[in-house]
Amino acid sequence: MANASNCTKGADMPDIWAIVVIIIILMVIYTYISSKISDQRKRKVRENTIPQISDALKTGVNYNIVISDGPTFENVQILGSVEGDDDQFSFANWKGMLVIQQENKKRVFIKKTSIRFIEEL
């Protein structure tokens, strides 16, 4: 009979683990929701102080493009960008290039990461 009472005592242990797992899941859900609410508040505050704009570079518009090393491409038009495999520009391992056209109609390929800023004219 003593064996029967020991078997029933162990049945309470899975209930405790179930409660612990439920508490952990609830804590994760609470943390996720509070993080989302906090991010939403921060975004609203930022939008009130400095609004975000959804403007982009356009083709057919003239720009001044300043490169990080110092050179400037003045009064150029952006034709587009080249996104290709590594073998396309394998000589320099450039993954993305901005294609611009100078006033003399020559095209220039610029590594996107080397651009410091672009000024619209």
C-alpha atoms as a PDB file:
ATOM      1  CA  MET A   1       0.000   0.000   0.000  1.00  0.00           C
ATOM      2  CA  ALA A   2       2.863   2.348   0.648  1.00  0.00           C
ATOM      3  CA  ASN A   3       3.830   2.062  -2.986  1.00  0.00           C
ATOM      4  CA  ALA A   4       0.413   3.241  -4.120  1.00  0.00           C
ATOM      5  CA  SER A   5       0.629   6.455  -2.087  1.00  0.00           C
ATOM      6  CA  ASN A   6       4.075   7.286  -3.551  1.00  0.00           C
ATOM      7  CA  CYS A   7       2.740   6.963  -7.101  1.00  0.00           C
ATOM      8  CA  THR A   8      -0.040   9.455  -6.556  1.00  0.00           C
ATOM      9  CA  LYS A   9       2.301  12.053  -5.004  1.00  0.00           C
ATOM     10  CA  GLY A  10       4.279  12.333  -8.257  1.00  0.00           C
ATOM     11  CA  ALA A  11       1.168  13.270 -10.215  1.00  0.00           C
ATOM     12  CA  ASP A  12       1.247  16.811  -8.748  1.00  0.00           C
ATOM     13  CA  MET A  13       4.637  17.555 -10.340  1.00  0.00           C
ATOM     14  CA  PRO A  14       3.401  17.840 -13.988  1.00  0.00           C
ATOM     15  CA  ASP A  15       0.781  20.349 -12.824  1.00  0.00           C
ATOM     16  CA  ILE A  16       3.503  22.559 -11.330  1.00  0.00           C
ATOM     17  CA  TRP A  17       5.545  22.445 -14.539  1.00  0.00           C
ATOM     18  CA  ALA A  18       2.459  23.293 -16.572  1.00  0.00           C
ATOM     19  CA  ILE A  19       1.880  26.352 -14.398  1.00  0.00           C
ATOM     20  CA  VAL A  20       5.548  27.403 -14.745  1.00  0.00           C
ATOM     21  CA  VAL A  21       5.381  27.049 -18.557  1.00  0.00           C
ATOM     22  CA  ILE A  22       2.131  29.037 -18.711  1.00  0.00           C
ATOM     23  CA  ILE A  23       3.668  31.814 -16.583  1.00  0.00           C
ATOM     24  CA  ILE A  24       6.721  31.966 -18.875  1.00  0.00           C
ATOM     25  CA  ILE A  25       4.516  32.113 -21.996  1.00  0.00           C
ATOM     26  CA  LEU A  26       2.408  34.882 -20.448  1.00  0.00           C
ATOM     27  CA  MET A  27       5.560  36.843 -19.578  1.00  0.00           C
ATOM     28  CA  VAL A  28       6.818  36.538 -23.163  1.00  0.00           C
ATOM     29  CA  ILE A  29       3.461  37.710 -24.540  1.00  0.00           C
ATOM     30  CA  TYR A  30       3.370  40.625 -22.076  1.00  0.00           C
ATOM     31  CA  THR A  31       6.925  41.647 -23.031  1.00  0.00           C
ATOM     32  CA  TYR A  32       6.084  41.504 -26.746  1.00  0.00           C
ATOM     33  CA  ILE A  33       2.925  43.590 -26.367  1.00  0.00           C
ATOM     34  CA  SER A  34       4.580  46.184 -24.111  1.00  0.00           C
ATOM     35  CA  SER A  35       7.474  46.465 -26.586  1.00  0.00           C
ATOM     36  CA  LYS A  36       5.046  47.109 -29.449  1.00  0.00           C
ATOM     37  CA  ILE A  37       3.193  49.746 -27.433  1.00  0.00           C
ATOM     38  CA  SER A  38       6.478  51.442 -26.482  1.00  0.00           C
ATOM     39  CA  ASP A  39       7.670  51.450 -30.100  1.00  0.00           C
ATOM     40  CA  GLN A  40       4.355  52.935 -31.210  1.00  0.00           C
ATOM     41  CA  ARG A  41       4.643  55.732 -28.625  1.00  0.00           C
ATOM     42  CA  LYS A  42       8.213  56.504 -29.683  1.00  0.00           C
ATOM     43  CA  ARG A  43       7.184  56.600 -33.354  1.00  0.00           C
ATOM     44  CA  LYS A  44       4.314  59.015 -32.593  1.00  0.00           C
ATOM     45  CA  VAL A  45       6.634  61.320 -30.633  1.00  0.00           C
ATOM     46  CA  ARG A  46       9.217  61.244 -33.422  1.00  0.00           C
ATOM     47  CA  GLU A  47       6.569  61.964 -36.085  1.00  0.00           C
ATOM     48  CA  ASN A  48       5.381  64.975 -34.093  1.00  0.00           C
ATOM     49  CA  THR A  49       8.902  66.386 -33.817  1.00  0.00           C
ATOM     50  CA  ILE A  50      10.446  65.362 -37.160  1.00  0.00           C
ATOM     51  CA  PRO A  51       7.960  64.013 -39.682  1.00  0.00           C
ATOM     52  CA  GLN A  52       8.999  61.277 -42.087  1.00  0.00           C
ATOM     53  CA  ILE A  53       8.617  61.951 -45.765  1.00  0.00           C
ATOM     54  CA  SER A  54       8.209  59.434 -48.541  1.00  0.00           C
ATOM     55  CA  ASP A  55      10.199  61.140 -51.259  1.00  0.00           C
ATOM     56  CA  ALA A  56      12.721  59.427 -53.490  1.00  0.00           C
ATOM     57  CA  LEU A  57      15.212  60.159 -56.246  1.00  0.00           C
ATOM     58  CA  LYS A  58      13.602  60.659 -59.643  1.00  0.00           C
ATOM     59  CA  THR A  59      14.798  60.182 -63.162  1.00  0.00           C
ATOM     60  CA  GLY A  60      14.801  63.260 -65.375  1.00  0.00           C
ATOM     61  CA  VAL A  61      15.761  65.580 -62.502  1.00  0.00           C
ATOM     62  CA  ASN A  62      19.221  67.135 -62.226  1.00  0.00           C
ATOM     63  CA  TYR A  63      21.328  66.469 -59.152  1.00  0.00           C
ATOM     64  CA  ASN A  64      24.710  67.237 -57.658  1.00  0.00           C
ATOM     65  CA  ILE A  65      26.240  64.048 -56.265  1.00  0.00           C
ATOM     66  CA  VAL A  66      29.068  64.295 -53.751  1.00  0.00           C
ATOM     67  CA  ILE A  67      31.271  61.245 -53.246  1.00  0.00           C
ATOM     68  CA  SER A  68      32.852  60.388 -49.867  1.00  0.00           C
ATOM     69  CA  ASP A  69      36.368  60.884 -51.257  1.00  0.00           C
ATOM     70  CA  GLY A  70      35.542  64.461 -52.241  1.00  0.00           C
ATOM     71  CA  PRO A  71      34.741  64.513 -55.985  1.00  0.00           C
ATOM     72  CA  THR A  72      31.441  66.008 -57.074  1.00  0.00           C
ATOM     73  CA  PHE A  73      29.347  65.150 -60.095  1.00  0.00           C
ATOM     74  CA  GLU A  74      27.484  68.349 -60.906  1.00  0.00           C
ATOM     75  CA  ASN A  75      24.275  68.716 -62.879  1.00  0.00           C
ATOM     76  CA  VAL A  76      23.836  65.005 -63.623  1.00  0.00           C
ATOM     77  CA  GLN A  77      20.710  62.921 -64.136  1.00  0.00           C
ATOM     78  CA  ILE A  78      20.106  59.606 -62.462  1.00  0.00           C
ATOM     79  CA  LEU A  79      19.321  56.889 -64.985  1.00  0.00           C
ATOM     80  CA  GLY A  80      18.776  54.103 -62.458  1.00  0.00           C
ATOM     81  CA  SER A  81      20.588  51.488 -60.465  1.00  0.00           C
ATOM     82  CA  VAL A  82      22.204  48.191 -61.330  1.00  0.00           C
ATOM     83  CA  GLU A  83      21.453  45.308 -59.021  1.00  0.00           C
ATOM     84  CA  GLY A  84      23.153  42.173 -60.178  1.00  0.00           C
ATOM     85  CA  ASP A  85      25.200  39.203 -59.205  1.00  0.00           C
ATOM     86  CA  ASP A  86      28.730  39.561 -57.902  1.00  0.00           C
ATOM     87  CA  ASP A  87      30.180  38.375 -61.225  1.00  0.00           C
ATOM     88  CA  GLN A  88      28.770  41.400 -63.084  1.00  0.00           C
ATOM     89  CA  PHE A  89      31.199  43.763 -61.364  1.00  0.00           C
ATOM     90  CA  SER A  90      33.608  41.126 -60.126  1.00  0.00           C
ATOM     91  CA  PHE A  91      36.619  43.373 -60.650  1.00  0.00           C
ATOM     92  CA  ALA A  92      35.664  45.416 -57.587  1.00  0.00           C
ATOM     93  CA  ASN A  93      33.094  43.216 -55.811  1.00  0.00           C
ATOM     94  CA  TRP A  94      30.451  45.938 -56.109  1.00  0.00           C
ATOM     95  CA  LYS A  95      26.943  44.717 -55.555  1.00  0.00           C
ATOM     96  CA  GLY A  96      24.942  47.878 -56.290  1.00  0.00           C
ATOM     97  CA  MET A  97      25.773  50.691 -58.638  1.00  0.00           C
ATOM     98  CA  LEU A  98      24.020  53.988 -59.286  1.00  0.00           C
ATOM     99  CA  VAL A  99      24.041  54.915 -62.978  1.00  0.00           C
ATOM    100  CA  ILE A 100      24.172  58.634 -63.744  1.00  0.00           C
ATOM    101  CA  GLN A 101      24.456  60.588 -66.983  1.00  0.00           C
ATOM    102  CA  GLN A 102      26.666  63.639 -67.242  1.00  0.00           C
ATOM    103  CA  GLU A 103      25.892  66.683 -69.387  1.00  0.00           C
ATOM    104  CA  ASN A 104      28.105  65.314 -72.169  1.00  0.00           C
ATOM    105  CA  LYS A 105      25.837  62.193 -72.266  1.00  0.00           C
ATOM    106  CA  LYS A 106      28.509  59.908 -70.794  1.00  0.00           C
ATOM    107  CA  ARG A 107      27.317  57.414 -68.199  1.00  0.00           C
ATOM    108  CA  VAL A 108      29.037  57.011 -64.857  1.00  0.00           C
ATOM    109  CA  PHE A 109      28.606  54.015 -62.539  1.00  0.00           C
ATOM    110  CA  ILE A 110      28.977  54.943 -58.862  1.00  0.00           C
ATOM    111  CA  LYS A 111      29.156  52.546 -55.949  1.00  0.00           C
ATOM    112  CA  LYS A 112      26.131  53.391 -53.794  1.00  0.00           C
ATOM    113  CA  THR A 113      28.049  53.088 -50.540  1.00  0.00           C
ATOM    114  CA  SER A 114      30.551  55.725 -51.668  1.00  0.00           C
ATOM    115  CA  ILE A 115      27.941  58.504 -52.014  1.00  0.00           C
ATOM    116  CA  ARG A 116      28.033  61.083 -49.230  1.00  0.00           C
ATOM    117  CA  PHE A 117      24.952  63.052 -50.283  1.00  0.00           C
ATOM    118  CA  ILE A 118      22.799  63.961 -53.280  1.00  0.00           C
ATOM    119  CA  GLU A 119      21.527  67.486 -53.835  1.00  0.00           C
ATOM    120  CA  GLU A 120      18.506  68.129 -56.040  1.00  0.00           C
ATOM    121  CA  LEU A 121      18.838  71.134 -58.338  1.00  0.00           C
END
